[in-house]
Protein backbone atom coordinates (compact mmCIF):
# COMPACT_ATOMS: atom_id res chain seq x y z
CA MET A 1 -1.61 -21.15 3.20
CA THR A 2 -2.21 -22.33 6.43
CA LEU A 3 0.21 -20.12 8.78
CA ASP A 4 1.90 -21.69 12.23
CA ARG A 5 3.27 -20.26 15.11
CA ILE A 6 6.90 -20.09 13.44
CA ASP A 7 5.51 -18.39 10.46
CA THR A 8 3.91 -15.90 12.24
CA ARG A 9 6.98 -15.28 14.58
CA LEU A 10 9.12 -15.13 11.15
CA LEU A 11 6.62 -12.60 9.81
CA THR A 12 6.45 -10.48 12.86
CA GLU A 13 10.27 -10.12 12.75
CA LEU A 14 10.50 -9.48 9.08
CA GLN A 15 7.96 -6.91 9.54
CA LYS A 16 10.22 -5.45 12.13
CA ASP A 17 13.24 -5.29 9.84
CA GLY A 18 13.00 -6.78 6.24
CA ARG A 19 16.62 -6.31 5.98
CA ARG A 20 17.73 -9.04 8.44
CA SER A 21 19.63 -11.89 7.40
CA VAL A 22 18.38 -15.22 7.39
CA VAL A 23 21.22 -16.14 10.25
CA GLU A 24 19.86 -13.47 12.28
CA LEU A 25 15.78 -14.18 11.67
CA ALA A 26 16.76 -18.11 12.39
CA GLU A 27 18.00 -17.18 15.79
CA ALA A 28 15.54 -14.73 16.45
CA ILE A 29 12.41 -17.07 16.03
CA GLY A 30 14.50 -20.29 17.23
CA LEU A 31 14.98 -22.00 14.02
CA SER A 32 18.05 -23.11 11.86
CA THR A 33 19.41 -21.26 8.92
CA THR A 34 18.08 -23.82 6.36
CA PRO A 35 14.49 -24.43 7.55
CA CYS A 36 14.24 -20.53 8.25
CA ALA A 37 15.28 -19.87 4.50
CA ARG A 38 12.82 -22.38 3.50
CA ARG A 39 9.96 -20.79 5.15
CA ILE A 40 10.95 -17.65 3.81
CA ARG A 41 10.80 -18.67 0.44
CA GLN A 42 7.31 -20.60 0.90
CA LEU A 43 5.92 -17.45 2.23
CA GLU A 44 7.16 -15.67 -1.09
CA ALA A 45 6.06 -18.22 -3.38
CA ASN A 46 2.27 -18.36 -1.65
CA GLY A 47 2.14 -14.68 -1.75
CA VAL A 48 2.18 -13.96 1.88
CA ILE A 49 5.23 -11.94 1.52
CA THR A 50 4.63 -9.87 -1.78
CA SER A 51 7.63 -7.65 -1.62
CA TYR A 52 10.43 -6.03 0.57
CA ALA A 53 10.54 -2.12 0.80
CA ALA A 54 12.14 0.92 2.19
CA VAL A 55 9.36 2.90 4.38
CA ILE A 56 10.12 6.80 3.27
CA ASP A 57 8.71 9.65 4.96
CA PRO A 58 7.09 11.65 2.36
CA ALA A 59 7.86 14.99 3.67
CA GLN A 60 11.41 14.44 3.90
CA LEU A 61 11.34 14.13 0.04
CA GLY A 62 9.60 17.48 -0.39
CA LEU A 63 6.27 15.89 -0.42
CA LYS A 64 4.70 17.90 1.99
CA VAL A 65 0.86 17.60 1.22
CA GLN A 66 -1.19 14.25 1.18
CA ALA A 67 -4.88 14.39 0.23
CA PHE A 68 -7.10 11.07 0.12
CA ILE A 69 -9.47 11.85 -3.21
CA GLN A 70 -12.84 10.15 -3.31
CA VAL A 71 -13.48 9.43 -7.10
CA LYS A 72 -16.70 9.15 -8.93
CA LEU A 73 -16.99 7.35 -12.13
CA ALA A 74 -19.78 8.12 -14.84
CA GLN A 75 -20.36 4.76 -15.56
CA HIS A 76 -18.97 1.22 -14.54
CA ALA A 77 -18.61 -0.53 -17.52
CA ASP A 78 -15.64 -2.93 -17.30
CA GLU A 79 -13.96 -0.94 -20.13
CA ALA A 80 -14.54 2.14 -18.45
CA VAL A 81 -12.98 1.25 -15.29
CA ALA A 82 -10.01 -0.40 -16.91
CA HIS A 83 -9.38 2.69 -18.84
CA PHE A 84 -9.54 4.91 -15.52
CA GLU A 85 -7.33 2.18 -13.77
CA ARG A 86 -4.78 2.04 -16.62
CA GLU A 87 -4.38 5.93 -16.65
CA LEU A 88 -4.04 6.16 -12.83
CA GLY A 89 -0.95 3.63 -13.17
CA LYS A 90 0.58 6.69 -14.93
CA LEU A 91 0.06 9.11 -12.08
CA GLU A 92 3.31 8.58 -9.65
CA GLU A 93 1.55 10.89 -7.40
CA VAL A 94 -1.05 8.50 -6.49
CA ILE A 95 0.75 5.98 -4.10
CA ALA A 96 -2.47 4.01 -3.15
CA CYS A 97 -5.60 3.29 -4.94
CA PHE A 98 -8.56 1.50 -3.48
CA ALA A 99 -11.95 0.13 -4.95
CA THR A 100 -14.39 1.29 -2.27
CA THR A 101 -18.40 0.85 -1.63
CA GLY A 102 -20.60 3.92 -1.08
CA GLU A 103 -21.12 7.21 -2.73
CA HIS A 104 -17.58 6.88 -4.40
CA ASP A 105 -15.86 4.10 -6.65
CA PHE A 106 -12.25 4.53 -5.74
CA LEU A 107 -10.31 6.38 -3.06
CA LEU A 108 -6.92 7.48 -3.71
CA HIS A 109 -3.70 8.77 -1.30
CA VAL A 110 -1.89 11.17 -3.27
CA VAL A 111 1.11 13.12 -2.16
CA ALA A 112 2.26 16.35 -3.41
CA PRO A 113 5.31 19.20 -3.08
CA ASP A 114 2.42 21.72 -1.98
CA LEU A 115 -1.15 22.83 -2.56
CA GLU A 116 -0.68 24.24 -6.20
CA ALA A 117 0.82 20.89 -7.15
CA LEU A 118 -2.17 18.99 -5.65
CA GLY A 119 -4.74 21.34 -7.27
CA THR A 120 -2.89 20.59 -10.57
CA ILE A 121 -3.01 16.77 -10.23
CA VAL A 122 -6.51 17.17 -9.43
CA LEU A 123 -7.61 19.67 -12.12
CA LYS A 124 -5.23 19.04 -15.01
CA LYS A 125 -4.66 15.27 -14.48
CA LEU A 126 -7.40 13.47 -12.17
CA LEU A 127 -10.45 15.30 -13.73
CA LYS A 128 -9.15 15.06 -17.16
CA ILE A 129 -9.29 11.35 -17.43
CA PRO A 130 -12.44 10.37 -19.45
CA GLY A 131 -15.34 9.00 -17.49
CA VAL A 132 -14.48 10.30 -14.17
CA ARG A 133 -17.53 12.19 -13.13
CA ASP A 134 -16.80 13.85 -9.58
CA VAL A 135 -14.00 14.08 -7.19
CA HIS A 136 -13.87 15.22 -3.38
CA SER A 137 -10.53 15.91 -1.73
CA SER A 138 -9.63 15.68 1.64
CA ILE A 139 -6.22 17.34 2.86
CA VAL A 140 -4.43 15.30 5.54
CA LEU A 141 -3.33 17.96 8.11
CA ASP A 142 -1.33 15.55 10.34
CA THR A 143 -0.35 11.91 10.63
CA ILE A 144 -1.55 10.09 13.45
CA LYS A 145 -0.25 6.77 12.58
CA ARG A 146 1.26 5.43 9.65
CA SER A 147 2.26 1.64 9.50
CA GLN A 148 2.93 -0.96 6.56
CA LYS A 149 2.85 -3.76 9.17
CA MET A 150 0.06 -6.18 9.00
CA PRO A 151 -1.89 -7.15 12.45
CA LEU A 152 -0.69 -10.81 12.87
CA SER A 153 -2.66 -11.39 16.41
CA HIS A 154 -5.47 -13.11 14.79
CA LEU A 155 -3.37 -15.98 12.76
CA SER A 156 -3.38 -19.35 14.35
CA GLN A 157 -0.90 -20.03 17.23
CA THR A 158 -0.29 -23.60 16.82
C-alpha cells in the first residue's frame, strides 16, 4: 500500500492517541469524517494498523524487573523452531520475541515481579523447553526511552 501525506498525518495522529474519535481525527488532519473513516478502514484492512491497545507501565503492575534474554537453539530444523515458538507462546512473561542474526537465534523481552521470579522463568521455563541450548540474560537497569510509535518521516509526502 502506498501511503500519501493524508495517510501519514492520520497515522501520526492515531499514534498520539488511538482513542480519538473519527470526528476528532478528521478535524485534526483537515478531512471530512466519511473519507477519514474510509482511510482508517483501508489502513486496517491492508495491515498497516494491526491493532489498538493501551500502553501499560509494567512497574505499575508490580513487574519491576525487565530483561532481554538471548536464546540459542540446539538445532534449526523447522519443527524444532516451530516447537520453541509454540512453547514460547505459552509464557505470558515473554512480551516480545525477535528472531535474530548473530550468535543467538532469538531475543526475548521478559518482565517479572522480581529477580527470583525472573530466575524461575529462565531456569524452570525457558531452559526446560526442549531444544534450547543456551540463554544469556541482560537485566534492564533503567528505561531511557520506550515508545510504541513508528517513525513516519521517511514516508512519501505526496
